[in-house]
Amino acid sequence: MIRGTTSLIAHIGFPTFAFKAPMIYNPYFEQAGIDAVVVPMGCQTADYPTFLRAAFTLTNIRGALITMPHKVTTTGLVEVLSPTARIAGACNAVRLGADGRLEGDMFDGEGFVRGVLRKGVVLQGKRVLVVGSGGVGCAIAASLAAAGIGAITLFDRYAESAEALGDRLRQHYPALEVTTGSNDPAGHDVVVNATPMGMNEGDPLPLDIDRLSPDTFVGEVVMKTEMTAFLTAAAARGCRVQIGSDMLFEQIPAYLEYFGLPTTTAEVLRSVARLSY
């Protein structure tokens, strides 16, 4: 129930058809008696800088969830940026600070890593391939580095994006072995699809599935469907997998704390969520 007292969390991105957050947050708010609501807001790239600032002139806004294609752009639109967001080069949460400045943070990587660890995967010293160096790929790479992996391979169709991410990782994690320019999954313990491939029917797979070892743990960020074509192909080879929505469930408690709302667990969120694909 939306009232005049309801706090607004804007979910900003484009297009909005694949948004899953409202189907998780809003049932939780209802179940927990929290007077807040997440509202999808479709905003295209050209309009986004003006819209973000305008949204925070609303007196009942609690914060904003930022998704594709705005996560990288947001880093230059906020006045205060967390260390994680600086390393990732992307931002997916914005709030208004007590001093009136916009503050930004990044939780995609934290959510992804927490999901992997909860499945019993050991990341310390492992070799990881991250395909995609946009907002979510940068965030996941930064959080994997913080989790103590030993080596990371970065690939993006725009080579300069992967190279820039590699440079930032080397600066903050000098002991980490960083390679760019290849999406060959062979020899990696963990492989992550951090591209939009899989959002649309008929999208190509992000890598050569025949080069994927059955021992490799495979993660996905696309949430349009639970088992994407990539995850289905990886599972058919015997790989353990993590679906895209796991990253979302695991990061929501951190978001709630960031926005000053009562937090919860991924299990509670899953029990009340009303996901549809």
Protein backbone atom coordinates (compact mmCIF):
# COMPACT_ATOMS: atom_id res chain seq x y z
CA MET A 1 0.00 0.00 0.00
CA ILE A 2 1.46 3.34 -1.09
CA ARG A 3 0.59 6.26 1.20
CA GLY A 4 1.56 9.89 1.52
CA THR A 5 4.14 8.78 4.10
CA THR A 6 5.77 6.15 1.85
CA SER A 7 9.50 6.47 1.22
CA LEU A 8 10.48 6.13 -2.43
CA ILE A 9 13.43 4.13 -3.77
CA ALA A 10 13.92 4.90 -7.45
CA HIS A 11 15.09 1.99 -9.61
CA ILE A 12 16.69 3.79 -12.55
CA GLY A 13 17.83 2.19 -15.80
CA PHE A 14 16.83 1.40 -19.37
CA PRO A 15 15.07 -0.69 -20.51
CA THR A 16 13.01 -1.64 -17.46
CA PHE A 17 11.43 -4.87 -18.70
CA ALA A 18 14.09 -7.07 -17.07
CA PHE A 19 14.00 -5.36 -13.65
CA LYS A 20 13.60 -7.89 -10.83
CA ALA A 21 14.29 -5.73 -7.74
CA PRO A 22 10.69 -4.50 -7.28
CA MET A 23 9.50 -8.12 -7.10
CA ILE A 24 11.89 -8.73 -4.17
CA TYR A 25 11.99 -5.48 -2.22
CA ASN A 26 8.29 -4.66 -2.30
CA PRO A 27 7.01 -8.04 -1.00
CA TYR A 28 9.62 -7.81 1.77
CA PHE A 29 8.53 -4.28 2.69
CA GLU A 30 4.91 -5.46 2.79
CA GLN A 31 5.72 -8.52 4.93
CA ALA A 32 7.92 -6.53 7.33
CA GLY A 33 5.56 -3.56 7.61
CA ILE A 34 8.10 -1.11 6.15
CA ASP A 35 6.54 1.99 4.60
CA ALA A 36 8.70 2.11 1.48
CA VAL A 37 8.40 1.14 -2.18
CA VAL A 38 10.78 0.48 -5.10
CA VAL A 39 9.55 2.02 -8.37
CA PRO A 40 11.08 1.25 -11.81
CA MET A 41 11.98 4.40 -13.72
CA GLY A 42 13.04 4.10 -17.34
CA CYS A 43 15.59 6.78 -18.19
CA GLN A 44 17.71 6.89 -21.32
CA THR A 45 21.36 7.89 -21.34
CA ALA A 46 20.95 11.45 -22.62
CA ASP A 47 18.45 12.36 -19.91
CA TYR A 48 20.08 10.57 -16.99
CA PRO A 49 22.42 13.22 -15.48
CA THR A 50 19.59 15.74 -15.21
CA PHE A 51 17.09 13.17 -14.01
CA LEU A 52 19.29 11.76 -11.25
CA ARG A 53 19.78 15.16 -9.63
CA ALA A 54 16.09 16.03 -10.10
CA ALA A 55 15.00 12.77 -8.43
CA PHE A 56 16.85 13.75 -5.27
CA THR A 57 14.92 17.01 -5.00
CA LEU A 58 11.91 14.89 -3.98
CA THR A 59 11.34 15.15 -0.24
CA ASN A 60 10.22 11.52 0.12
CA ILE A 61 13.08 9.82 -1.76
CA ARG A 62 15.16 7.42 0.35
CA GLY A 63 17.66 6.46 -2.34
CA ALA A 64 18.15 5.11 -5.83
CA LEU A 65 19.10 1.74 -7.25
CA ILE A 66 21.10 2.29 -10.43
CA THR A 67 21.30 -0.31 -13.19
CA MET A 68 22.32 -0.62 -16.85
CA PRO A 69 23.36 1.49 -18.67
CA HIS A 70 24.04 4.13 -15.98
CA LYS A 71 26.36 2.50 -13.42
CA VAL A 72 29.60 3.86 -14.87
CA THR A 73 28.20 7.31 -15.62
CA THR A 74 26.97 7.65 -12.03
CA THR A 75 30.53 7.74 -10.64
CA GLY A 76 30.93 11.18 -12.19
CA LEU A 77 27.56 12.46 -11.01
CA VAL A 78 27.89 11.95 -7.25
CA GLU A 79 30.00 14.07 -4.92
CA VAL A 80 31.09 11.26 -2.57
CA LEU A 81 32.13 7.84 -3.91
CA SER A 82 32.98 4.77 -1.82
CA PRO A 83 36.38 3.06 -2.24
CA THR A 84 34.66 -0.01 -3.75
CA ALA A 85 32.87 2.11 -6.33
CA ARG A 86 36.11 3.92 -7.20
CA ILE A 87 37.93 0.65 -7.82
CA ALA A 88 34.99 -0.79 -9.75
CA GLY A 89 34.59 2.39 -11.77
CA ALA A 90 30.85 1.99 -11.33
CA CYS A 91 28.08 2.84 -8.89
CA ASN A 92 24.71 1.15 -8.31
CA ALA A 93 23.40 2.87 -5.18
CA VAL A 94 22.90 6.57 -4.52
CA ARG A 95 21.65 8.38 -1.45
CA LEU A 96 21.56 11.95 -0.21
CA GLY A 97 24.05 12.58 2.57
CA ALA A 98 23.33 14.66 5.66
CA ASP A 99 25.31 17.51 4.10
CA GLY A 100 23.16 17.48 0.96
CA ARG A 101 25.76 15.84 -1.26
CA LEU A 102 24.97 12.79 -3.37
CA GLU A 103 26.80 9.68 -2.14
CA GLY A 104 27.42 6.58 -4.27
CA ASP A 105 28.39 2.99 -3.54
CA MET A 106 28.58 -0.34 -5.39
CA PHE A 107 27.07 -3.61 -4.17
CA ASP A 108 26.96 -5.85 -7.28
CA GLY A 109 30.34 -7.37 -6.58
CA GLU A 110 29.62 -7.92 -2.91
CA GLY A 111 26.38 -9.69 -3.76
CA PHE A 112 28.03 -11.91 -6.36
CA VAL A 113 30.92 -12.90 -4.08
CA ARG A 114 28.68 -13.55 -1.08
CA GLY A 115 26.57 -15.87 -3.22
CA VAL A 116 29.61 -17.80 -4.44
CA LEU A 117 31.03 -18.17 -0.93
CA ARG A 118 27.69 -19.36 0.46
CA LYS A 119 27.78 -22.18 -2.11
CA GLY A 120 31.02 -23.42 -0.57
CA VAL A 121 33.35 -22.20 -3.30
CA VAL A 122 36.84 -21.29 -2.07
CA LEU A 123 38.08 -18.13 -3.78
CA GLN A 124 41.41 -17.68 -2.04
CA GLY A 125 44.20 -18.07 -4.60
CA LYS A 126 41.87 -19.14 -7.44
CA ARG A 127 42.04 -18.21 -11.13
CA VAL A 128 38.99 -16.31 -12.39
CA LEU A 129 37.75 -15.19 -15.81
CA VAL A 130 35.35 -12.23 -15.96
CA VAL A 131 33.80 -11.62 -19.38
CA GLY A 132 32.52 -8.05 -19.57
CA SER A 133 34.16 -4.96 -18.12
CA GLY A 134 31.14 -2.69 -17.84
CA GLY A 135 29.63 -1.61 -14.55
CA VAL A 136 28.75 -5.03 -13.16
CA GLY A 137 31.90 -6.72 -14.49
CA CYS A 138 34.13 -4.10 -12.87
CA ALA A 139 32.28 -4.44 -9.57
CA ILE A 140 32.56 -8.23 -9.54
CA ALA A 141 36.25 -8.09 -10.45
CA ALA A 142 36.94 -5.62 -7.63
CA SER A 143 35.12 -7.74 -5.05
CA LEU A 144 36.78 -10.96 -6.25
CA ALA A 145 40.16 -9.27 -5.86
CA ALA A 146 39.20 -8.22 -2.33
CA ALA A 147 38.20 -11.83 -1.61
CA GLY A 148 41.78 -12.96 -2.25
CA ILE A 149 41.77 -14.60 -5.67
CA GLY A 150 45.22 -15.27 -7.11
CA ALA A 151 44.73 -14.39 -10.78
CA ILE A 152 42.09 -12.75 -12.95
CA THR A 153 41.57 -12.64 -16.71
CA LEU A 154 39.47 -9.77 -18.04
CA PHE A 155 37.77 -9.65 -21.43
CA ASP A 156 35.53 -7.08 -23.08
CA ARG A 157 34.66 -6.47 -26.71
CA TYR A 158 36.02 -2.98 -26.07
CA ALA A 159 39.59 -3.89 -25.18
CA GLU A 160 40.30 -0.51 -23.62
CA SER A 161 37.60 -1.15 -20.98
CA ALA A 162 39.24 -4.39 -19.85
CA GLU A 163 42.68 -2.79 -19.87
CA ALA A 164 41.51 0.17 -17.77
CA LEU A 165 39.94 -2.19 -15.23
CA GLY A 166 43.14 -4.23 -15.19
CA ASP A 167 45.18 -1.11 -14.45
CA ARG A 168 42.93 -0.20 -11.50
CA LEU A 169 43.18 -3.72 -10.10
CA ARG A 170 46.97 -3.73 -10.38
CA GLN A 171 47.12 -0.39 -8.58
CA HIS A 172 45.04 -1.57 -5.62
CA TYR A 173 46.08 -5.27 -5.60
CA PRO A 174 49.73 -5.42 -6.74
CA ALA A 175 50.04 -9.12 -5.83
CA LEU A 176 47.13 -10.07 -8.10
CA GLU A 177 48.06 -11.57 -11.49
CA VAL A 178 46.02 -9.65 -14.07
CA THR A 179 45.63 -10.65 -17.74
CA THR A 180 43.45 -9.01 -20.39
CA GLY A 181 42.35 -9.78 -23.92
CA SER A 182 41.10 -13.38 -23.82
CA ASN A 183 37.73 -14.99 -23.06
CA ASP A 184 39.10 -18.55 -23.17
CA PRO A 185 37.71 -20.27 -20.05
CA ALA A 186 40.28 -23.07 -20.05
CA GLY A 187 42.43 -23.14 -16.92
CA HIS A 188 40.10 -21.03 -14.78
CA ASP A 189 38.45 -22.12 -11.54
CA VAL A 190 35.61 -19.58 -11.76
CA VAL A 191 34.08 -18.05 -14.89
CA VAL A 192 31.66 -15.13 -14.84
CA ASN A 193 29.43 -13.79 -17.61
CA ALA A 194 29.16 -10.10 -16.77
CA THR A 195 27.83 -9.07 -20.19
CA PRO A 196 24.21 -8.51 -21.29
CA MET A 197 24.47 -11.59 -23.56
CA GLY A 198 21.42 -13.65 -22.72
CA MET A 199 19.04 -10.74 -22.28
CA ASN A 200 17.58 -11.36 -25.73
CA GLU A 201 16.56 -14.54 -27.51
CA GLY A 202 19.27 -15.77 -29.85
CA ASP A 203 22.15 -13.88 -28.20
CA PRO A 204 25.50 -15.59 -28.77
CA LEU A 205 27.20 -17.27 -25.81
CA PRO A 206 29.87 -15.08 -24.16
CA LEU A 207 32.62 -17.71 -24.65
CA ASP A 208 33.45 -21.05 -26.25
CA ILE A 209 31.52 -23.49 -24.09
CA ASP A 210 33.56 -26.43 -25.40
CA ARG A 211 36.63 -24.96 -23.66
CA LEU A 212 34.87 -24.97 -20.28
CA SER A 213 36.02 -27.59 -17.76
CA PRO A 214 33.32 -29.45 -15.76
CA ASP A 215 35.26 -28.48 -12.62
CA THR A 216 34.78 -24.76 -13.25
CA PHE A 217 32.22 -22.80 -11.22
CA VAL A 218 30.16 -20.60 -13.56
CA GLY A 219 28.31 -17.41 -12.58
CA GLU A 220 25.84 -15.27 -14.46
CA VAL A 221 24.55 -11.71 -14.05
CA VAL A 222 21.66 -11.78 -16.55
CA MET A 223 18.31 -12.07 -14.76
CA LYS A 224 15.79 -12.13 -17.61
CA THR A 225 15.42 -15.85 -17.02
CA GLU A 226 16.73 -18.08 -14.24
CA MET A 227 18.71 -20.53 -16.38
CA THR A 228 20.11 -18.55 -19.27
CA ALA A 229 21.40 -20.28 -22.39
CA PHE A 230 24.92 -19.85 -21.02
CA LEU A 231 24.14 -21.43 -17.64
CA THR A 232 22.18 -24.22 -19.29
CA ALA A 233 25.16 -25.03 -21.53
CA ALA A 234 27.58 -24.85 -18.57
CA ALA A 235 25.39 -27.11 -16.42
CA ALA A 236 25.18 -29.59 -19.30
CA ARG A 237 28.98 -29.85 -19.14
CA GLY A 238 28.76 -30.66 -15.43
CA CYS A 239 29.61 -27.21 -14.04
CA ARG A 240 28.15 -25.86 -10.81
CA VAL A 241 26.40 -22.58 -11.52
CA GLN A 242 25.11 -19.42 -9.87
CA ILE A 243 22.03 -17.79 -11.39
CA GLY A 244 21.88 -14.04 -11.93
CA SER A 245 19.25 -13.37 -9.27
CA ASP A 246 21.52 -14.84 -6.55
CA MET A 247 23.70 -11.75 -6.86
CA LEU A 248 20.63 -9.59 -6.33
CA PHE A 249 19.32 -11.46 -3.27
CA GLU A 250 22.73 -11.41 -1.60
CA GLN A 251 23.30 -7.67 -2.08
CA ILE A 252 19.86 -6.45 -1.00
CA PRO A 253 20.61 -6.62 2.76
CA ALA A 254 23.60 -4.32 2.15
CA TYR A 255 21.40 -1.92 0.15
CA LEU A 256 18.81 -1.82 2.95
CA GLU A 257 21.46 -0.90 5.48
CA TYR A 258 22.83 1.76 3.12
CA PHE A 259 19.40 3.35 2.80
CA GLY A 260 18.80 3.22 6.56
CA LEU A 261 16.02 0.63 6.35
CA PRO A 262 15.56 -2.55 8.46
CA THR A 263 17.75 -5.26 6.95
CA THR A 264 17.12 -8.98 6.50
CA THR A 265 18.68 -12.12 5.00
CA ALA A 266 18.74 -13.59 1.52
CA GLU A 267 16.63 -16.51 2.80
CA VAL A 268 13.85 -14.22 4.01
CA LEU A 269 13.92 -12.30 0.75
CA ARG A 270 13.61 -15.51 -1.27
CA SER A 271 10.71 -16.70 0.88
CA VAL A 272 8.62 -13.59 0.16
CA ALA A 273 9.79 -12.67 -3.37
CA ARG A 274 7.29 -12.77 -6.22
CA LEU A 275 9.70 -13.21 -9.12
CA SER A 276 8.41 -13.74 -12.62
CA TYR A 277 10.35 -14.12 -15.87
